[in-house]
Amino acid sequence: MSWSELERLVSDAEASAELRDTLRRCRSRQQLLQAARHLGYRVTRTDLQNAWVEHQRNQDALSANAQAR
């Protein structure tokens, strides 16, 4: 359930400059989690870790594709 909350947070942040600015002011993962929870998103530390791992995999795949060309 919380993964869908993270997706909702990202989608809302993409649509709202105010929300993006709020999240950009966070200087740590803990601050980001606190801000998200304060705004009503049920995001967990594990969600952020999983999102980071997925992001790294995507970056690695992009790098591998670029090098193969």
PDB file of N, CA and C in Angstrom:
ATOM      1  N   MET A   1       0.823  -1.203   0.000  1.00  0.00           N
ATOM      2  CA  MET A   1       0.000   0.000   0.000  1.00  0.00           C
ATOM      3  C   MET A   1       0.861   1.259   0.000  1.00  0.00           C
ATOM      4  N   SER A   2       1.921   1.250   0.739  1.00  0.00           N
ATOM      5  CA  SER A   2       2.714   2.473   0.832  1.00  0.00           C
ATOM      6  C   SER A   2       3.474   2.768  -0.456  1.00  0.00           C
ATOM      7  N   TRP A   3       3.799   1.713  -1.253  1.00  0.00           N
ATOM      8  CA  TRP A   3       4.460   1.963  -2.539  1.00  0.00           C
ATOM      9  C   TRP A   3       3.547   2.806  -3.419  1.00  0.00           C
ATOM     10  N   SER A   4       2.256   2.509  -3.403  1.00  0.00           N
ATOM     11  CA  SER A   4       1.313   3.301  -4.197  1.00  0.00           C
ATOM     12  C   SER A   4       1.245   4.733  -3.670  1.00  0.00           C
ATOM     13  N   GLU A   5       1.466   4.907  -2.380  1.00  0.00           N
ATOM     14  CA  GLU A   5       1.506   6.252  -1.809  1.00  0.00           C
ATOM     15  C   GLU A   5       2.724   7.012  -2.322  1.00  0.00           C
ATOM     16  N   LEU A   6       3.842   6.330  -2.451  1.00  0.00           N
ATOM     17  CA  LEU A   6       5.039   6.971  -3.001  1.00  0.00           C
ATOM     18  C   LEU A   6       4.798   7.371  -4.450  1.00  0.00           C
ATOM     19  N   GLU A   7       4.167   6.491  -5.205  1.00  0.00           N
ATOM     20  CA  GLU A   7       3.841   6.821  -6.598  1.00  0.00           C
ATOM     21  C   GLU A   7       2.902   8.022  -6.664  1.00  0.00           C
ATOM     22  N   ARG A   8       1.944   8.072  -5.744  1.00  0.00           N
ATOM     23  CA  ARG A   8       1.011   9.204  -5.705  1.00  0.00           C
ATOM     24  C   ARG A   8       1.751  10.494  -5.352  1.00  0.00           C
ATOM     25  N   LEU A   9       2.671  10.414  -4.402  1.00  0.00           N
ATOM     26  CA  LEU A   9       3.469  11.585  -4.021  1.00  0.00           C
ATOM     27  C   LEU A   9       4.271  12.099  -5.211  1.00  0.00           C
ATOM     28  N   VAL A  10       4.916  11.195  -5.924  1.00  0.00           N
ATOM     29  CA  VAL A  10       5.712  11.592  -7.090  1.00  0.00           C
ATOM     30  C   VAL A  10       4.818  12.223  -8.150  1.00  0.00           C
ATOM     31  N   SER A  11       3.693  11.598  -8.423  1.00  0.00           N
ATOM     32  CA  SER A  11       2.764  12.130  -9.425  1.00  0.00           C
ATOM     33  C   SER A  11       2.267  13.519  -9.027  1.00  0.00           C
ATOM     34  N   ASP A  12       1.906  13.668  -7.762  1.00  0.00           N
ATOM     35  CA  ASP A  12       1.428  14.970  -7.283  1.00  0.00           C
ATOM     36  C   ASP A  12       2.533  16.019  -7.342  1.00  0.00           C
ATOM     37  N   ALA A  13       3.756  15.620  -7.020  1.00  0.00           N
ATOM     38  CA  ALA A  13       4.878  16.563  -7.064  1.00  0.00           C
ATOM     39  C   ALA A  13       5.179  16.991  -8.494  1.00  0.00           C
ATOM     40  N   GLU A  14       5.018  16.072  -9.433  1.00  0.00           N
ATOM     41  CA  GLU A  14       5.223  16.431 -10.840  1.00  0.00           C
ATOM     42  C   GLU A  14       4.185  17.445 -11.305  1.00  0.00           C
ATOM     43  N   ALA A  15       3.011  17.423 -10.699  1.00  0.00           N
ATOM     44  CA  ALA A  15       1.928  18.314 -11.104  1.00  0.00           C
ATOM     45  C   ALA A  15       1.880  19.616 -10.303  1.00  0.00           C
ATOM     46  N   SER A  16       2.595  19.685  -9.193  1.00  0.00           N
ATOM     47  CA  SER A  16       2.490  20.842  -8.306  1.00  0.00           C
ATOM     48  C   SER A  16       3.860  21.436  -7.987  1.00  0.00           C
ATOM     49  N   ALA A  17       4.094  22.646  -8.461  1.00  0.00           N
ATOM     50  CA  ALA A  17       5.359  23.330  -8.171  1.00  0.00           C
ATOM     51  C   ALA A  17       5.515  23.568  -6.672  1.00  0.00           C
ATOM     52  N   GLU A  18       4.430  23.859  -5.994  1.00  0.00           N
ATOM     53  CA  GLU A  18       4.487  24.105  -4.550  1.00  0.00           C
ATOM     54  C   GLU A  18       4.936  22.848  -3.798  1.00  0.00           C
ATOM     55  N   LEU A  19       4.382  21.707  -4.165  1.00  0.00           N
ATOM     56  CA  LEU A  19       4.778  20.451  -3.526  1.00  0.00           C
ATOM     57  C   LEU A  19       6.233  20.124  -3.847  1.00  0.00           C
ATOM     58  N   ARG A  20       6.639  20.330  -5.103  1.00  0.00           N
ATOM     59  CA  ARG A  20       8.042  20.103  -5.481  1.00  0.00           C
ATOM     60  C   ARG A  20       8.975  20.953  -4.630  1.00  0.00           C
ATOM     61  N   ASP A  21       8.631  22.216  -4.458  1.00  0.00           N
ATOM     62  CA  ASP A  21       9.469  23.111  -3.658  1.00  0.00           C
ATOM     63  C   ASP A  21       9.553  22.636  -2.212  1.00  0.00           C
ATOM     64  N   THR A  22       8.437  22.194  -1.673  1.00  0.00           N
ATOM     65  CA  THR A  22       8.418  21.683  -0.301  1.00  0.00           C
ATOM     66  C   THR A  22       9.346  20.486  -0.166  1.00  0.00           C
ATOM     67  N   LEU A  23       9.264  19.575  -1.109  1.00  0.00           N
ATOM     68  CA  LEU A  23      10.089  18.369  -1.045  1.00  0.00           C
ATOM     69  C   LEU A  23      11.561  18.676  -1.304  1.00  0.00           C
ATOM     70  N   ARG A  24      11.844  19.646  -2.161  1.00  0.00           N
ATOM     71  CA  ARG A  24      13.242  20.022  -2.442  1.00  0.00           C
ATOM     72  C   ARG A  24      13.934  20.619  -1.227  1.00  0.00           C
ATOM     73  N   ARG A  25      13.177  21.201  -0.332  1.00  0.00           N
ATOM     74  CA  ARG A  25      13.765  21.788   0.872  1.00  0.00           C
ATOM     75  C   ARG A  25      14.219  20.726   1.873  1.00  0.00           C
ATOM     76  N   CYS A  26      13.794  19.499   1.685  1.00  0.00           N
ATOM     77  CA  CYS A  26      14.197  18.412   2.582  1.00  0.00           C
ATOM     78  C   CYS A  26      15.670  18.093   2.352  1.00  0.00           C
ATOM     79  N   ARG A  27      16.420  18.001   3.425  1.00  0.00           N
ATOM     80  CA  ARG A  27      17.860  17.775   3.335  1.00  0.00           C
ATOM     81  C   ARG A  27      18.262  16.353   3.720  1.00  0.00           C
ATOM     82  N   SER A  28      17.301  15.528   4.065  1.00  0.00           N
ATOM     83  CA  SER A  28      17.600  14.138   4.405  1.00  0.00           C
ATOM     84  C   SER A  28      16.381  13.285   4.071  1.00  0.00           C
ATOM     85  N   ARG A  29      16.605  11.985   4.033  1.00  0.00           N
ATOM     86  CA  ARG A  29      15.474  11.082   3.793  1.00  0.00           C
ATOM     87  C   ARG A  29      14.454  11.203   4.916  1.00  0.00           C
ATOM     88  N   GLN A  30      14.958  11.378   6.142  1.00  0.00           N
ATOM     89  CA  GLN A  30      14.050  11.504   7.282  1.00  0.00           C
ATOM     90  C   GLN A  30      13.174  12.745   7.135  1.00  0.00           C
ATOM     91  N   GLN A  31      13.751  13.861   6.720  1.00  0.00           N
ATOM     92  CA  GLN A  31      12.954  15.072   6.500  1.00  0.00           C
ATOM     93  C   GLN A  31      11.930  14.851   5.395  1.00  0.00           C
ATOM     94  N   LEU A  32      12.333  14.145   4.345  1.00  0.00           N
ATOM     95  CA  LEU A  32      11.412  13.856   3.248  1.00  0.00           C
ATOM     96  C   LEU A  32      10.244  13.012   3.739  1.00  0.00           C
ATOM     97  N   LEU A  33      10.541  11.984   4.525  1.00  0.00           N
ATOM     98  CA  LEU A  33       9.478  11.143   5.072  1.00  0.00           C
ATOM     99  C   LEU A  33       8.549  11.945   5.973  1.00  0.00           C
ATOM    100  N   GLN A  34       9.122  12.789   6.812  1.00  0.00           N
ATOM    101  CA  GLN A  34       8.310  13.603   7.710  1.00  0.00           C
ATOM    102  C   GLN A  34       7.415  14.562   6.934  1.00  0.00           C
ATOM    103  N   ALA A  35       7.972  15.201   5.910  1.00  0.00           N
ATOM    104  CA  ALA A  35       7.177  16.124   5.095  1.00  0.00           C
ATOM    105  C   ALA A  35       6.053  15.378   4.392  1.00  0.00           C
ATOM    106  N   ALA A  36       6.375  14.234   3.814  1.00  0.00           N
ATOM    107  CA  ALA A  36       5.359  13.450   3.107  1.00  0.00           C
ATOM    108  C   ALA A  36       4.244  13.035   4.058  1.00  0.00           C
ATOM    109  N   ARG A  37       4.617  12.558   5.220  1.00  0.00           N
ATOM    110  CA  ARG A  37       3.608  12.127   6.195  1.00  0.00           C
ATOM    111  C   ARG A  37       2.765  13.303   6.665  1.00  0.00           C
ATOM    112  N   HIS A  38       3.412  14.437   6.881  1.00  0.00           N
ATOM    113  CA  HIS A  38       2.682  15.645   7.296  1.00  0.00           C
ATOM    114  C   HIS A  38       1.655  16.049   6.236  1.00  0.00           C
ATOM    115  N   LEU A  39       1.990  15.800   4.977  1.00  0.00           N
ATOM    116  CA  LEU A  39       1.098  16.144   3.869  1.00  0.00           C
ATOM    117  C   LEU A  39       0.064  15.054   3.585  1.00  0.00           C
ATOM    118  N   GLY A  40       0.101  13.972   4.360  1.00  0.00           N
ATOM    119  CA  GLY A  40      -0.915  12.937   4.230  1.00  0.00           C
ATOM    120  C   GLY A  40      -0.539  11.734   3.389  1.00  0.00           C
ATOM    121  N   TYR A  41       0.734  11.608   3.038  1.00  0.00           N
ATOM    122  CA  TYR A  41       1.197  10.463   2.256  1.00  0.00           C
ATOM    123  C   TYR A  41       1.788   9.433   3.213  1.00  0.00           C
ATOM    124  N   ARG A  42       1.397   8.192   3.054  1.00  0.00           N
ATOM    125  CA  ARG A  42       1.881   7.126   3.934  1.00  0.00           C
ATOM    126  C   ARG A  42       3.066   6.423   3.271  1.00  0.00           C
ATOM    127  N   VAL A  43       4.191   7.106   3.263  1.00  0.00           N
ATOM    128  CA  VAL A  43       5.414   6.617   2.631  1.00  0.00           C
ATOM    129  C   VAL A  43       6.347   6.112   3.726  1.00  0.00           C
ATOM    130  N   THR A  44       7.051   5.011   3.448  1.00  0.00           N
ATOM    131  CA  THR A  44       7.968   4.440   4.432  1.00  0.00           C
ATOM    132  C   THR A  44       9.418   4.553   3.972  1.00  0.00           C
ATOM    133  N   ARG A  45      10.310   4.342   4.917  1.00  0.00           N
ATOM    134  CA  ARG A  45      11.744   4.332   4.625  1.00  0.00           C
ATOM    135  C   ARG A  45      12.053   3.242   3.603  1.00  0.00           C
ATOM    136  N   THR A  46      11.392   2.108   3.730  1.00  0.00           N
ATOM    137  CA  THR A  46      11.594   1.005   2.790  1.00  0.00           C
ATOM    138  C   THR A  46      11.172   1.403   1.385  1.00  0.00           C
ATOM    139  N   ASP A  47      10.092   2.163   1.263  1.00  0.00           N
ATOM    140  CA  ASP A  47       9.659   2.640  -0.055  1.00  0.00           C
ATOM    141  C   ASP A  47      10.755   3.471  -0.707  1.00  0.00           C
ATOM    142  N   LEU A  48      11.355   4.364   0.069  1.00  0.00           N
ATOM    143  CA  LEU A  48      12.427   5.206  -0.476  1.00  0.00           C
ATOM    144  C   LEU A  48      13.636   4.367  -0.872  1.00  0.00           C
ATOM    145  N   GLN A  49      13.977   3.390  -0.050  1.00  0.00           N
ATOM    146  CA  GLN A  49      15.107   2.520  -0.375  1.00  0.00           C
ATOM    147  C   GLN A  49      14.831   1.731  -1.655  1.00  0.00           C
ATOM    148  N   ASN A  50      13.632   1.173  -1.762  1.00  0.00           N
ATOM    149  CA  ASN A  50      13.278   0.405  -2.959  1.00  0.00           C
ATOM    150  C   ASN A  50      13.265   1.288  -4.201  1.00  0.00           C
ATOM    151  N   ALA A  51      12.778   2.509  -4.061  1.00  0.00           N
ATOM    152  CA  ALA A  51      12.753   3.439  -5.191  1.00  0.00           C
ATOM    153  C   ALA A  51      14.178   3.780  -5.623  1.00  0.00           C
ATOM    154  N   TRP A  52      15.082   3.946  -4.659  1.00  0.00           N
ATOM    155  CA  TRP A  52      16.477   4.253  -4.982  1.00  0.00           C
ATOM    156  C   TRP A  52      17.119   3.091  -5.730  1.00  0.00           C
ATOM    157  N   VAL A  53      16.875   1.869  -5.267  1.00  0.00           N
ATOM    158  CA  VAL A  53      17.427   0.684  -5.934  1.00  0.00           C
ATOM    159  C   VAL A  53      16.900   0.600  -7.361  1.00  0.00           C
ATOM    160  N   GLU A  54      15.610   0.824  -7.534  1.00  0.00           N
ATOM    161  CA  GLU A  54      15.020   0.787  -8.876  1.00  0.00           C
ATOM    162  C   GLU A  54      15.622   1.872  -9.766  1.00  0.00           C
ATOM    163  N   HIS A  55      15.808   3.054  -9.218  1.00  0.00           N
ATOM    164  CA  HIS A  55      16.411   4.157  -9.962  1.00  0.00           C
ATOM    165  C   HIS A  55      17.827   3.780 -10.412  1.00  0.00           C
ATOM    166  N   GLN A  56      18.602   3.194  -9.502  1.00  0.00           N
ATOM    167  CA  GLN A  56      19.970   2.795  -9.843  1.00  0.00           C
ATOM    168  C   GLN A  56      19.980   1.739 -10.944  1.00  0.00           C
ATOM    169  N   ARG A  57      19.061   0.789 -10.878  1.00  0.00           N
ATOM    170  CA  ARG A  57      18.975  -0.236 -11.926  1.00  0.00           C
ATOM    171  C   ARG A  57      18.665   0.402 -13.274  1.00  0.00           C
ATOM    172  N   ASN A  58      17.746   1.354 -13.273  1.00  0.00           N
ATOM    173  CA  ASN A  58      17.403   2.038 -14.519  1.00  0.00           C
ATOM    174  C   ASN A  58      18.595   2.818 -15.061  1.00  0.00           C
ATOM    175  N   GLN A  59      19.325   3.479 -14.178  1.00  0.00           N
ATOM    176  CA  GLN A  59      20.508   4.235 -14.597  1.00  0.00           C
ATOM    177  C   GLN A  59      21.566   3.298 -15.169  1.00  0.00           C
ATOM    178  N   ASP A  60      21.765   2.155 -14.509  1.00  0.00           N
ATOM    179  CA  ASP A  60      22.744   1.182 -14.993  1.00  0.00           C
ATOM    180  C   ASP A  60      22.348   0.656 -16.365  1.00  0.00           C
ATOM    181  N   ALA A  61      21.064   0.398 -16.563  1.00  0.00           N
ATOM    182  CA  ALA A  61      20.584  -0.102 -17.855  1.00  0.00           C
ATOM    183  C   ALA A  61      20.783   0.948 -18.940  1.00  0.00           C
ATOM    184  N   LEU A  62      20.515   2.208 -18.621  1.00  0.00           N
ATOM    185  CA  LEU A  62      20.719   3.283 -19.591  1.00  0.00           C
ATOM    186  C   LEU A  62      22.197   3.405 -19.958  1.00  0.00           C
ATOM    187  N   SER A  63      23.061   3.307 -18.966  1.00  0.00           N
ATOM    188  CA  SER A  63      24.503   3.385 -19.225  1.00  0.00           C
ATOM    189  C   SER A  63      24.967   2.229 -20.096  1.00  0.00           C
ATOM    190  N   ALA A  64      24.473   1.043 -19.806  1.00  0.00           N
ATOM    191  CA  ALA A  64      24.854  -0.133 -20.594  1.00  0.00           C
ATOM    192  C   ALA A  64      24.381   0.008 -22.035  1.00  0.00           C
ATOM    193  N   ASN A  65      23.172   0.516 -22.225  1.00  0.00           N
ATOM    194  CA  ASN A  65      22.649   0.726 -23.579  1.00  0.00           C
ATOM    195  C   ASN A  65      23.460   1.772 -24.329  1.00  0.00           C
ATOM    196  N   ALA A  66      23.849   2.829 -23.644  1.00  0.00           N
ATOM    197  CA  ALA A  66      24.630   3.887 -24.283  1.00  0.00           C
ATOM    198  C   ALA A  66      26.015   3.376 -24.678  1.00  0.00           C
ATOM    199  N   GLN A  67      26.604   2.543 -23.861  1.00  0.00           N
ATOM    200  CA  GLN A  67      27.933   2.007 -24.160  1.00  0.00           C
ATOM    201  C   GLN A  67      27.886   0.983 -25.286  1.00  0.00           C
ATOM    202  N   ALA A  68      26.756   0.314 -25.439  1.00  0.00           N
ATOM    203  CA  ALA A  68      26.619  -0.711 -26.481  1.00  0.00           C
ATOM    204  C   ALA A  68      26.497  -0.094 -27.867  1.00  0.00           C
ATOM    205  N   ARG A  69      26.201   1.169 -27.926  1.00  0.00           N
ATOM    206  CA  ARG A  69      26.008   1.839 -29.225  1.00  0.00           C
ATOM    207  C   ARG A  69      27.285   2.190 -29.857  1.00  0.00           C
TER     208      ARG A  69
END
